[in-house]
PDB file of N, CA and C in Angstrom:
ATOM      1  N   MET A   1     -18.130 -19.314 -12.145  1.00  0.00           N
ATOM      2  CA  MET A   1     -16.829 -18.707 -12.130  1.00  0.00           C
ATOM      3  C   MET A   1     -16.212 -18.953 -10.750  1.00  0.00           C
ATOM      4  N   ALA A   2     -14.930 -19.305 -10.695  1.00  0.00           N
ATOM      5  CA  ALA A   2     -14.237 -19.546  -9.428  1.00  0.00           C
ATOM      6  C   ALA A   2     -13.971 -18.229  -8.713  1.00  0.00           C
ATOM      7  N   ARG A   3     -13.893 -18.298  -7.383  1.00  0.00           N
ATOM      8  CA  ARG A   3     -13.610 -17.108  -6.576  1.00  0.00           C
ATOM      9  C   ARG A   3     -12.234 -17.262  -5.936  1.00  0.00           C
ATOM     10  N   TYR A   4     -11.547 -16.143  -5.738  1.00  0.00           N
ATOM     11  CA  TYR A   4     -10.203 -16.137  -5.173  1.00  0.00           C
ATOM     12  C   TYR A   4     -10.105 -15.057  -4.111  1.00  0.00           C
ATOM     13  N   ARG A   5      -9.219 -15.268  -3.159  1.00  0.00           N
ATOM     14  CA  ARG A   5      -8.953 -14.292  -2.102  1.00  0.00           C
ATOM     15  C   ARG A   5      -7.508 -13.845  -2.223  1.00  0.00           C
ATOM     16  N   LYS A   6      -7.269 -12.561  -2.025  1.00  0.00           N
ATOM     17  CA  LYS A   6      -5.913 -12.037  -2.067  1.00  0.00           C
ATOM     18  C   LYS A   6      -5.124 -12.576  -0.875  1.00  0.00           C
ATOM     19  N   LYS A   7      -3.921 -13.068  -1.123  1.00  0.00           N
ATOM     20  CA  LYS A   7      -3.074 -13.579  -0.051  1.00  0.00           C
ATOM     21  C   LYS A   7      -2.675 -12.436   0.875  1.00  0.00           C
ATOM     22  N   PRO A   8      -2.590 -12.711   2.163  1.00  0.00           N
ATOM     23  CA  PRO A   8      -2.138 -11.635   3.065  1.00  0.00           C
ATOM     24  C   PRO A   8      -0.645 -11.363   2.847  1.00  0.00           C
ATOM     25  N   VAL A   9      -0.344 -10.157   2.433  1.00  0.00           N
ATOM     26  CA  VAL A   9       1.025  -9.742   2.161  1.00  0.00           C
ATOM     27  C   VAL A   9       1.251  -8.398   2.833  1.00  0.00           C
ATOM     28  N   GLU A  10       2.366  -8.252   3.521  1.00  0.00           N
ATOM     29  CA  GLU A  10       2.699  -6.962   4.116  1.00  0.00           C
ATOM     30  C   GLU A  10       3.432  -6.117   3.086  1.00  0.00           C
ATOM     31  N   ILE A  11       3.063  -4.852   3.025  1.00  0.00           N
ATOM     32  CA  ILE A  11       3.692  -3.915   2.094  1.00  0.00           C
ATOM     33  C   ILE A  11       4.152  -2.697   2.884  1.00  0.00           C
ATOM     34  N   GLU A  12       4.990  -1.893   2.292  1.00  0.00           N
ATOM     35  CA  GLU A  12       5.339  -0.595   2.839  1.00  0.00           C
ATOM     36  C   GLU A  12       4.586   0.446   2.025  1.00  0.00           C
ATOM     37  N   ALA A  13       4.108   1.489   2.702  1.00  0.00           N
ATOM     38  CA  ALA A  13       3.376   2.540   1.986  1.00  0.00           C
ATOM     39  C   ALA A  13       3.545   3.862   2.727  1.00  0.00           C
ATOM     40  N   ILE A  14       3.478   4.932   1.975  1.00  0.00           N
ATOM     41  CA  ILE A  14       3.503   6.272   2.547  1.00  0.00           C
ATOM     42  C   ILE A  14       2.507   7.114   1.773  1.00  0.00           C
ATOM     43  N   GLN A  15       1.766   7.951   2.480  1.00  0.00           N
ATOM     44  CA  GLN A  15       0.816   8.819   1.797  1.00  0.00           C
ATOM     45  C   GLN A  15       1.575  10.028   1.252  1.00  0.00           C
ATOM     46  N   TRP A  16       1.356  10.327  -0.022  1.00  0.00           N
ATOM     47  CA  TRP A  16       2.088  11.375  -0.731  1.00  0.00           C
ATOM     48  C   TRP A  16       1.232  12.623  -0.841  1.00  0.00           C
ATOM     49  N   TRP A  17       1.787  13.772  -0.470  1.00  0.00           N
ATOM     50  CA  TRP A  17       1.073  15.046  -0.586  1.00  0.00           C
ATOM     51  C   TRP A  17       1.783  16.027  -1.499  1.00  0.00           C
ATOM     52  N   LYS A  18       3.123  15.922  -1.542  1.00  0.00           N
ATOM     53  CA  LYS A  18       3.890  16.857  -2.365  1.00  0.00           C
ATOM     54  C   LYS A  18       5.250  16.233  -2.678  1.00  0.00           C
ATOM     55  N   ASN A  19       5.936  16.794  -3.668  1.00  0.00           N
ATOM     56  CA  ASN A  19       7.248  16.274  -4.044  1.00  0.00           C
ATOM     57  C   ASN A  19       8.182  16.296  -2.836  1.00  0.00           C
ATOM     58  N   GLY A  20       8.900  15.205  -2.674  1.00  0.00           N
ATOM     59  CA  GLY A  20       9.818  15.068  -1.560  1.00  0.00           C
ATOM     60  C   GLY A  20       9.254  14.287  -0.395  1.00  0.00           C
ATOM     61  N   ASP A  21       7.955  13.940  -0.420  1.00  0.00           N
ATOM     62  CA  ASP A  21       7.342  13.210   0.695  1.00  0.00           C
ATOM     63  C   ASP A  21       7.833  11.765   0.806  1.00  0.00           C
ATOM     64  N   HIS A  22       8.144  11.125  -0.313  1.00  0.00           N
ATOM     65  CA  HIS A  22       8.589   9.736  -0.260  1.00  0.00           C
ATOM     66  C   HIS A  22      10.016   9.697   0.279  1.00  0.00           C
ATOM     67  N   PRO A  23      10.294   8.841   1.269  1.00  0.00           N
ATOM     68  CA  PRO A  23      11.635   8.831   1.869  1.00  0.00           C
ATOM     69  C   PRO A  23      12.760   8.534   0.874  1.00  0.00           C
ATOM     70  N   ASP A  24      12.482   7.814  -0.194  1.00  0.00           N
ATOM     71  CA  ASP A  24      13.512   7.526  -1.194  1.00  0.00           C
ATOM     72  C   ASP A  24      13.685   8.655  -2.205  1.00  0.00           C
ATOM     73  N   ASP A  25      12.914   9.733  -2.075  1.00  0.00           N
ATOM     74  CA  ASP A  25      13.072  10.896  -2.947  1.00  0.00           C
ATOM     75  C   ASP A  25      14.136  11.857  -2.439  1.00  0.00           C
ATOM     76  N   ALA A  26      14.584  11.664  -1.222  1.00  0.00           N
ATOM     77  CA  ALA A  26      15.525  12.603  -0.612  1.00  0.00           C
ATOM     78  C   ALA A  26      16.830  12.668  -1.394  1.00  0.00           C
ATOM     79  N   LEU A  27      17.379  13.868  -1.465  1.00  0.00           N
ATOM     80  CA  LEU A  27      18.675  14.060  -2.106  1.00  0.00           C
ATOM     81  C   LEU A  27      19.780  13.685  -1.128  1.00  0.00           C
ATOM     82  N   PRO A  28      20.949  13.340  -1.637  1.00  0.00           N
ATOM     83  CA  PRO A  28      22.054  13.057  -0.734  1.00  0.00           C
ATOM     84  C   PRO A  28      22.393  14.301   0.094  1.00  0.00           C
ATOM     85  N   PRO A  29      22.858  14.110   1.329  1.00  0.00           N
ATOM     86  CA  PRO A  29      23.112  15.267   2.204  1.00  0.00           C
ATOM     87  C   PRO A  29      24.100  16.275   1.623  1.00  0.00           C
ATOM     88  N   GLU A  30      25.016  15.818   0.759  1.00  0.00           N
ATOM     89  CA  GLU A  30      26.014  16.742   0.205  1.00  0.00           C
ATOM     90  C   GLU A  30      25.428  17.665  -0.864  1.00  0.00           C
ATOM     91  N   HIS A  31      24.216  17.343  -1.370  1.00  0.00           N
ATOM     92  CA  HIS A  31      23.601  18.189  -2.394  1.00  0.00           C
ATOM     93  C   HIS A  31      22.945  19.390  -1.719  1.00  0.00           C
ATOM     94  N   LYS A  32      23.350  20.561  -2.114  1.00  0.00           N
ATOM     95  CA  LYS A  32      22.780  21.796  -1.568  1.00  0.00           C
ATOM     96  C   LYS A  32      21.804  22.377  -2.587  1.00  0.00           C
ATOM     97  N   ILE A  33      20.554  22.562  -2.155  1.00  0.00           N
ATOM     98  CA  ILE A  33      19.543  23.143  -3.041  1.00  0.00           C
ATOM     99  C   ILE A  33      19.674  24.658  -2.980  1.00  0.00           C
ATOM    100  N   LEU A  34      19.803  25.274  -4.134  1.00  0.00           N
ATOM    101  CA  LEU A  34      19.919  26.720  -4.215  1.00  0.00           C
ATOM    102  C   LEU A  34      18.552  27.359  -4.044  1.00  0.00           C
ATOM    103  N   PRO A  35      18.506  28.618  -3.585  1.00  0.00           N
ATOM    104  CA  PRO A  35      17.210  29.298  -3.447  1.00  0.00           C
ATOM    105  C   PRO A  35      16.440  29.282  -4.766  1.00  0.00           C
ATOM    106  N   GLY A  36      15.188  28.885  -4.710  1.00  0.00           N
ATOM    107  CA  GLY A  36      14.333  28.822  -5.887  1.00  0.00           C
ATOM    108  C   GLY A  36      14.476  27.538  -6.684  1.00  0.00           C
ATOM    109  N   GLU A  37      15.458  26.697  -6.339  1.00  0.00           N
ATOM    110  CA  GLU A  37      15.667  25.434  -7.049  1.00  0.00           C
ATOM    111  C   GLU A  37      14.722  24.377  -6.492  1.00  0.00           C
ATOM    112  N   ARG A  38      14.227  23.499  -7.368  1.00  0.00           N
ATOM    113  CA  ARG A  38      13.386  22.378  -6.959  1.00  0.00           C
ATOM    114  C   ARG A  38      14.135  21.097  -7.282  1.00  0.00           C
ATOM    115  N   SER A  39      14.039  20.144  -6.390  1.00  0.00           N
ATOM    116  CA  SER A  39      14.738  18.887  -6.647  1.00  0.00           C
ATOM    117  C   SER A  39      13.780  17.853  -7.213  1.00  0.00           C
ATOM    118  N   GLU A  40      14.285  17.047  -8.117  1.00  0.00           N
ATOM    119  CA  GLU A  40      13.504  15.974  -8.730  1.00  0.00           C
ATOM    120  C   GLU A  40      13.560  14.750  -7.839  1.00  0.00           C
ATOM    121  N   GLY A  41      12.412  14.141  -7.558  1.00  0.00           N
ATOM    122  CA  GLY A  41      12.388  12.935  -6.740  1.00  0.00           C
ATOM    123  C   GLY A  41      12.875  11.723  -7.509  1.00  0.00           C
ATOM    124  N   ARG A  42      13.372  10.735  -6.791  1.00  0.00           N
ATOM    125  CA  ARG A  42      13.818   9.499  -7.426  1.00  0.00           C
ATOM    126  C   ARG A  42      12.656   8.533  -7.626  1.00  0.00           C
ATOM    127  N   VAL A  43      11.631   8.603  -6.784  1.00  0.00           N
ATOM    128  CA  VAL A  43      10.471   7.715  -6.892  1.00  0.00           C
ATOM    129  C   VAL A  43       9.303   8.460  -7.522  1.00  0.00           C
ATOM    130  N   VAL A  44       8.894   9.568  -6.913  1.00  0.00           N
ATOM    131  CA  VAL A  44       7.810  10.398  -7.460  1.00  0.00           C
ATOM    132  C   VAL A  44       8.450  11.645  -8.058  1.00  0.00           C
ATOM    133  N   ARG A  45       8.342  11.759  -9.382  1.00  0.00           N
ATOM    134  CA  ARG A  45       8.924  12.895 -10.079  1.00  0.00           C
ATOM    135  C   ARG A  45       7.865  13.984 -10.268  1.00  0.00           C
ATOM    136  N   TYR A  46       8.304  15.148 -10.730  1.00  0.00           N
ATOM    137  CA  TYR A  46       7.366  16.217 -11.053  1.00  0.00           C
ATOM    138  C   TYR A  46       6.501  15.812 -12.234  1.00  0.00           C
ATOM    139  N   PHE A  47       5.249  16.195 -12.205  1.00  0.00           N
ATOM    140  CA  PHE A  47       4.342  15.930 -13.322  1.00  0.00           C
ATOM    141  C   PHE A  47       4.616  16.962 -14.404  1.00  0.00           C
ATOM    142  N   ARG A  48       4.983  16.486 -15.584  1.00  0.00           N
ATOM    143  CA  ARG A  48       5.249  17.384 -16.709  1.00  0.00           C
ATOM    144  C   ARG A  48       4.624  16.801 -17.968  1.00  0.00           C
ATOM    145  N   ARG A  49       3.820  17.587 -18.634  1.00  0.00           N
ATOM    146  CA  ARG A  49       3.270  17.199 -19.939  1.00  0.00           C
ATOM    147  C   ARG A  49       3.253  18.462 -20.801  1.00  0.00           C
ATOM    148  N   PRO A  50       3.556  18.362 -22.080  1.00  0.00           N
ATOM    149  CA  PRO A  50       3.604  19.548 -22.930  1.00  0.00           C
ATOM    150  C   PRO A  50       2.235  20.034 -23.416  1.00  0.00           C
ATOM    151  N   GLU A  51       1.211  19.180 -23.347  1.00  0.00           N
ATOM    152  CA  GLU A  51      -0.092  19.547 -23.884  1.00  0.00           C
ATOM    153  C   GLU A  51      -0.730  20.669 -23.046  1.00  0.00           C
ATOM    154  N   PRO A  52      -1.426  21.615 -23.702  1.00  0.00           N
ATOM    155  CA  PRO A  52      -2.033  22.744 -22.984  1.00  0.00           C
ATOM    156  C   PRO A  52      -3.016  22.324 -21.891  1.00  0.00           C
ATOM    157  N   GLU A  53      -3.703  21.181 -22.089  1.00  0.00           N
ATOM    158  CA  GLU A  53      -4.683  20.763 -21.080  1.00  0.00           C
ATOM    159  C   GLU A  53      -4.025  20.329 -19.766  1.00  0.00           C
ATOM    160  N   TYR A  54      -2.691  20.172 -19.773  1.00  0.00           N
ATOM    161  CA  TYR A  54      -1.963  19.811 -18.550  1.00  0.00           C
ATOM    162  C   TYR A  54      -1.145  20.981 -18.018  1.00  0.00           C
ATOM    163  N   ASP A  55      -1.490  22.191 -18.421  1.00  0.00           N
ATOM    164  CA  ASP A  55      -0.819  23.373 -17.910  1.00  0.00           C
ATOM    165  C   ASP A  55      -0.809  23.320 -16.385  1.00  0.00           C
ATOM    166  N   GLY A  56       0.261  23.770 -15.778  1.00  0.00           N
ATOM    167  CA  GLY A  56       0.438  23.660 -14.332  1.00  0.00           C
ATOM    168  C   GLY A  56      -0.686  24.231 -13.495  1.00  0.00           C
ATOM    169  N   GLN A  57      -1.410  25.229 -14.016  1.00  0.00           N
ATOM    170  CA  GLN A  57      -2.479  25.864 -13.240  1.00  0.00           C
ATOM    171  C   GLN A  57      -3.865  25.331 -13.600  1.00  0.00           C
ATOM    172  N   THR A  58      -3.943  24.403 -14.549  1.00  0.00           N
ATOM    173  CA  THR A  58      -5.211  23.791 -14.929  1.00  0.00           C
ATOM    174  C   THR A  58      -5.590  22.732 -13.907  1.00  0.00           C
ATOM    175  N   THR A  59      -6.870  22.618 -13.599  1.00  0.00           N
ATOM    176  CA  THR A  59      -7.355  21.688 -12.582  1.00  0.00           C
ATOM    177  C   THR A  59      -7.526  20.283 -13.143  1.00  0.00           C
ATOM    178  N   HIS A  60      -7.073  19.303 -12.363  1.00  0.00           N
ATOM    179  CA  HIS A  60      -7.252  17.887 -12.694  1.00  0.00           C
ATOM    180  C   HIS A  60      -8.681  17.502 -12.309  1.00  0.00           C
ATOM    181  N   ASP A  61      -9.452  16.994 -13.268  1.00  0.00           N
ATOM    182  CA  ASP A  61     -10.861  16.675 -13.023  1.00  0.00           C
ATOM    183  C   ASP A  61     -11.059  15.629 -11.929  1.00  0.00           C
ATOM    184  N   LEU A  62     -10.137  14.681 -11.811  1.00  0.00           N
ATOM    185  CA  LEU A  62     -10.308  13.585 -10.863  1.00  0.00           C
ATOM    186  C   LEU A  62     -10.231  14.038  -9.403  1.00  0.00           C
ATOM    187  N   CYS A  63      -9.272  14.903  -9.081  1.00  0.00           N
ATOM    188  CA  CYS A  63      -9.078  15.268  -7.667  1.00  0.00           C
ATOM    189  C   CYS A  63      -9.335  16.745  -7.372  1.00  0.00           C
ATOM    190  N   GLY A  64      -9.454  17.564  -8.403  1.00  0.00           N
ATOM    191  CA  GLY A  64      -9.743  18.979  -8.183  1.00  0.00           C
ATOM    192  C   GLY A  64      -8.536  19.843  -7.861  1.00  0.00           C
ATOM    193  N   ARG A  65      -7.344  19.286  -7.890  1.00  0.00           N
ATOM    194  CA  ARG A  65      -6.114  20.045  -7.624  1.00  0.00           C
ATOM    195  C   ARG A  65      -5.470  20.440  -8.949  1.00  0.00           C
ATOM    196  N   ILE A  66      -4.662  21.503  -8.930  1.00  0.00           N
ATOM    197  CA  ILE A  66      -3.991  21.922 -10.159  1.00  0.00           C
ATOM    198  C   ILE A  66      -2.881  20.922 -10.496  1.00  0.00           C
ATOM    199  N   TRP A  67      -2.574  20.811 -11.797  1.00  0.00           N
ATOM    200  CA  TRP A  67      -1.575  19.846 -12.254  1.00  0.00           C
ATOM    201  C   TRP A  67      -0.208  20.097 -11.630  1.00  0.00           C
ATOM    202  N   HIS A  68       0.096  21.329 -11.294  1.00  0.00           N
ATOM    203  CA  HIS A  68       1.377  21.665 -10.679  1.00  0.00           C
ATOM    204  C   HIS A  68       1.573  20.917  -9.348  1.00  0.00           C
ATOM    205  N   ASP A  69       0.480  20.526  -8.684  1.00  0.00           N
ATOM    206  CA  ASP A  69       0.547  19.832  -7.392  1.00  0.00           C
ATOM    207  C   ASP A  69       0.745  18.321  -7.533  1.00  0.00           C
ATOM    208  N   HIS A  70       0.771  17.808  -8.745  1.00  0.00           N
ATOM    209  CA  HIS A  70       0.814  16.369  -8.974  1.00  0.00           C
ATOM    210  C   HIS A  70       2.234  15.848  -9.189  1.00  0.00           C
ATOM    211  N   GLY A  71       2.350  14.531  -9.057  1.00  0.00           N
ATOM    212  CA  GLY A  71       3.611  13.854  -9.324  1.00  0.00           C
ATOM    213  C   GLY A  71       3.424  12.819 -10.412  1.00  0.00           C
ATOM    214  N   TRP A  72       4.519  12.187 -10.775  1.00  0.00           N
ATOM    215  CA  TRP A  72       4.529  11.143 -11.796  1.00  0.00           C
ATOM    216  C   TRP A  72       5.397  10.010 -11.285  1.00  0.00           C
ATOM    217  N   ILE A  73       4.938   8.786 -11.454  1.00  0.00           N
ATOM    218  CA  ILE A  73       5.695   7.632 -10.986  1.00  0.00           C
ATOM    219  C   ILE A  73       5.763   6.598 -12.103  1.00  0.00           C
ATOM    220  N   ASP A  74       6.949   6.046 -12.307  1.00  0.00           N
ATOM    221  CA  ASP A  74       7.118   4.971 -13.280  1.00  0.00           C
ATOM    222  C   ASP A  74       6.823   3.652 -12.584  1.00  0.00           C
ATOM    223  N   THR A  75       5.930   2.869 -13.171  1.00  0.00           N
ATOM    224  CA  THR A  75       5.569   1.572 -12.603  1.00  0.00           C
ATOM    225  C   THR A  75       5.886   0.481 -13.617  1.00  0.00           C
ATOM    226  N   LEU A  76       5.688  -0.757 -13.220  1.00  0.00           N
ATOM    227  CA  LEU A  76       5.919  -1.870 -14.142  1.00  0.00           C
ATOM    228  C   LEU A  76       4.963  -1.816 -15.328  1.00  0.00           C
ATOM    229  N   GLU A  77       3.799  -1.181 -15.157  1.00  0.00           N
ATOM    230  CA  GLU A  77       2.799  -1.084 -16.227  1.00  0.00           C
ATOM    231  C   GLU A  77       2.929   0.201 -17.029  1.00  0.00           C
ATOM    232  N   GLY A  78       3.919   1.020 -16.739  1.00  0.00           N
ATOM    233  CA  GLY A  78       4.074   2.316 -17.393  1.00  0.00           C
ATOM    234  C   GLY A  78       3.950   3.428 -16.367  1.00  0.00           C
ATOM    235  N   GLY A  79       3.884   4.670 -16.825  1.00  0.00           N
ATOM    236  CA  GLY A  79       3.816   5.802 -15.916  1.00  0.00           C
ATOM    237  C   GLY A  79       2.408   6.085 -15.431  1.00  0.00           C
ATOM    238  N   HIS A  80       2.320   6.637 -14.218  1.00  0.00           N
ATOM    239  CA  HIS A  80       1.029   6.990 -13.633  1.00  0.00           C
ATOM    240  C   HIS A  80       1.115   8.349 -12.941  1.00  0.00           C
ATOM    241  N   THR A  81       0.043   9.109 -13.034  1.00  0.00           N
ATOM    242  CA  THR A  81      -0.087  10.359 -12.305  1.00  0.00           C
ATOM    243  C   THR A  81      -0.296  10.057 -10.831  1.00  0.00           C
ATOM    244  N   VAL A  82       0.308  10.866  -9.968  1.00  0.00           N
ATOM    245  CA  VAL A  82       0.120  10.750  -8.529  1.00  0.00           C
ATOM    246  C   VAL A  82      -0.578  12.015  -8.051  1.00  0.00           C
ATOM    247  N   CYS A  83      -1.774  11.868  -7.499  1.00  0.00           N
ATOM    248  CA  CYS A  83      -2.518  12.991  -6.944  1.00  0.00           C
ATOM    249  C   CYS A  83      -2.122  13.189  -5.481  1.00  0.00           C
ATOM    250  N   PRO A  84      -2.159  14.430  -4.983  1.00  0.00           N
ATOM    251  CA  PRO A  84      -1.926  14.624  -3.561  1.00  0.00           C
ATOM    252  C   PRO A  84      -2.913  13.768  -2.753  1.00  0.00           C
ATOM    253  N   GLY A  85      -2.394  13.049  -1.763  1.00  0.00           N
ATOM    254  CA  GLY A  85      -3.216  12.166  -0.943  1.00  0.00           C
ATOM    255  C   GLY A  85      -3.144  10.710  -1.352  1.00  0.00           C
ATOM    256  N   ASP A  86      -2.638  10.420  -2.558  1.00  0.00           N
ATOM    257  CA  ASP A  86      -2.471   9.028  -2.980  1.00  0.00           C
ATOM    258  C   ASP A  86      -1.414   8.352  -2.105  1.00  0.00           C
ATOM    259  N   TRP A  87      -1.536   7.057  -1.960  1.00  0.00           N
ATOM    260  CA  TRP A  87      -0.539   6.260  -1.257  1.00  0.00           C
ATOM    261  C   TRP A  87       0.463   5.730  -2.267  1.00  0.00           C
ATOM    262  N   ILE A  88       1.744   5.736  -1.915  1.00  0.00           N
ATOM    263  CA  ILE A  88       2.784   5.134  -2.736  1.00  0.00           C
ATOM    264  C   ILE A  88       3.155   3.829  -2.055  1.00  0.00           C
ATOM    265  N   ILE A  89       2.895   2.726  -2.744  1.00  0.00           N
ATOM    266  CA  ILE A  89       3.108   1.392  -2.194  1.00  0.00           C
ATOM    267  C   ILE A  89       4.397   0.815  -2.762  1.00  0.00           C
ATOM    268  N   THR A  90       5.179   0.214  -1.891  1.00  0.00           N
ATOM    269  CA  THR A  90       6.333  -0.569  -2.318  1.00  0.00           C
ATOM    270  C   THR A  90       5.927  -2.022  -2.203  1.00  0.00           C
ATOM    271  N   GLY A  91       5.876  -2.716  -3.331  1.00  0.00           N
ATOM    272  CA  GLY A  91       5.394  -4.095  -3.372  1.00  0.00           C
ATOM    273  C   GLY A  91       6.422  -5.107  -2.917  1.00  0.00           C
ATOM    274  N   VAL A  92       6.044  -6.357  -3.000  1.00  0.00           N
ATOM    275  CA  VAL A  92       6.860  -7.451  -2.471  1.00  0.00           C
ATOM    276  C   VAL A  92       8.169  -7.640  -3.235  1.00  0.00           C
ATOM    277  N   GLN A  93       8.264  -7.131  -4.457  1.00  0.00           N
ATOM    278  CA  GLN A  93       9.503  -7.247  -5.224  1.00  0.00           C
ATOM    279  C   GLN A  93      10.204  -5.903  -5.383  1.00  0.00           C
ATOM    280  N   GLY A  94       9.826  -4.933  -4.530  1.00  0.00           N
ATOM    281  CA  GLY A  94      10.451  -3.619  -4.573  1.00  0.00           C
ATOM    282  C   GLY A  94       9.839  -2.671  -5.577  1.00  0.00           C
ATOM    283  N   GLU A  95       8.821  -3.101  -6.302  1.00  0.00           N
ATOM    284  CA  GLU A  95       8.156  -2.234  -7.270  1.00  0.00           C
ATOM    285  C   GLU A  95       7.332  -1.177  -6.526  1.00  0.00           C
ATOM    286  N   VAL A  96       7.177  -0.009  -7.130  1.00  0.00           N
ATOM    287  CA  VAL A  96       6.401   1.060  -6.520  1.00  0.00           C
ATOM    288  C   VAL A  96       5.248   1.434  -7.430  1.00  0.00           C
ATOM    289  N   TYR A  97       4.131   1.797  -6.806  1.00  0.00           N
ATOM    290  CA  TYR A  97       2.966   2.201  -7.586  1.00  0.00           C
ATOM    291  C   TYR A  97       2.031   3.014  -6.693  1.00  0.00           C
ATOM    292  N   PRO A  98       1.239   3.920  -7.309  1.00  0.00           N
ATOM    293  CA  PRO A  98       0.299   4.720  -6.530  1.00  0.00           C
ATOM    294  C   PRO A  98      -1.013   3.980  -6.303  1.00  0.00           C
ATOM    295  N   CYS A  99      -1.712   4.358  -5.243  1.00  0.00           N
ATOM    296  CA  CYS A  99      -3.010   3.773  -4.919  1.00  0.00           C
ATOM    297  C   CYS A  99      -3.902   4.880  -4.349  1.00  0.00           C
ATOM    298  N   LYS A 100      -5.115   4.997  -4.865  1.00  0.00           N
ATOM    299  CA  LYS A 100      -6.058   6.009  -4.372  1.00  0.00           C
ATOM    300  C   LYS A 100      -6.424   5.711  -2.912  1.00  0.00           C
ATOM    301  N   PRO A 101      -6.659   6.757  -2.106  1.00  0.00           N
ATOM    302  CA  PRO A 101      -6.929   6.567  -0.684  1.00  0.00           C
ATOM    303  C   PRO A 101      -8.102   5.639  -0.377  1.00  0.00           C
ATOM    304  N   ASP A 102      -9.194   5.703  -1.138  1.00  0.00           N
ATOM    305  CA  ASP A 102     -10.342   4.849  -0.848  1.00  0.00           C
ATOM    306  C   ASP A 102     -10.033   3.376  -1.133  1.00  0.00           C
ATOM    307  N   ILE A 103      -9.280   3.103  -2.199  1.00  0.00           N
ATOM    308  CA  ILE A 103      -8.887   1.731  -2.513  1.00  0.00           C
ATOM    309  C   ILE A 103      -7.902   1.225  -1.456  1.00  0.00           C
ATOM    310  N   PHE A 104      -6.986   2.088  -1.040  1.00  0.00           N
ATOM    311  CA  PHE A 104      -6.011   1.706  -0.018  1.00  0.00           C
ATOM    312  C   PHE A 104      -6.729   1.334   1.277  1.00  0.00           C
ATOM    313  N   ALA A 105      -7.682   2.162   1.700  1.00  0.00           N
ATOM    314  CA  ALA A 105      -8.415   1.898   2.947  1.00  0.00           C
ATOM    315  C   ALA A 105      -9.223   0.605   2.866  1.00  0.00           C
ATOM    316  N   ALA A 106      -9.758   0.285   1.693  1.00  0.00           N
ATOM    317  CA  ALA A 106     -10.554  -0.935   1.532  1.00  0.00           C
ATOM    318  C   ALA A 106      -9.689  -2.191   1.417  1.00  0.00           C
ATOM    319  N   THR A 107      -8.408  -2.016   1.077  1.00  0.00           N
ATOM    320  CA  THR A 107      -7.546  -3.155   0.798  1.00  0.00           C
ATOM    321  C   THR A 107      -6.524  -3.444   1.898  1.00  0.00           C
ATOM    322  N   TYR A 108      -6.063  -2.409   2.583  1.00  0.00           N
ATOM    323  CA  TYR A 108      -4.980  -2.568   3.549  1.00  0.00           C
ATOM    324  C   TYR A 108      -5.399  -2.142   4.947  1.00  0.00           C
ATOM    325  N   GLU A 109      -4.737  -2.718   5.942  1.00  0.00           N
ATOM    326  CA  GLU A 109      -4.909  -2.313   7.332  1.00  0.00           C
ATOM    327  C   GLU A 109      -3.533  -2.290   7.977  1.00  0.00           C
ATOM    328  N   PRO A 110      -3.353  -1.489   9.018  1.00  0.00           N
ATOM    329  CA  PRO A 110      -2.036  -1.424   9.665  1.00  0.00           C
ATOM    330  C   PRO A 110      -1.623  -2.776  10.245  1.00  0.00           C
ATOM    331  N   VAL A 111      -0.327  -3.026  10.247  1.00  0.00           N
ATOM    332  CA  VAL A 111       0.229  -4.247  10.839  1.00  0.00           C
ATOM    333  C   VAL A 111       0.715  -3.893  12.234  1.00  0.00           C
ATOM    334  N   ASP A 112       0.301  -4.665  13.228  1.00  0.00           N
ATOM    335  CA  ASP A 112       0.761  -4.429  14.604  1.00  0.00           C
ATOM    336  C   ASP A 112       2.243  -4.751  14.713  1.00  0.00           C
ATOM    337  N   GLY A 113       2.933  -3.901  15.498  1.00  0.00           N
ATOM    338  CA  GLY A 113       4.358  -4.159  15.752  1.00  0.00           C
ATOM    339  C   GLY A 113       5.182  -3.741  14.614  1.00  0.00           C
TER     340      GLY A 113
END
């Protein structure tokens, strides 16, 4: 079987912890959030599923956090859950997708300058 190496490509990424962390999720300055109101992100949206096993206070087996703490991102391959601590990568064609911290650390390194 032939072997291949990933081409060196620079990407933009930000580590996501909660809704609003991605810089492109920000609302326009003229939008005033009312007390108790939550804003929907443009890149990472709120995680919502109607099934009882995804109740907001139920724990996600993969990361141990409650579903209420998670986000949802639409990717070229469909939608994906975003766990707190995941990296949100903007690819070479402007596409966005989540990446688990251990995979990110094994695949990417900071670019000088």
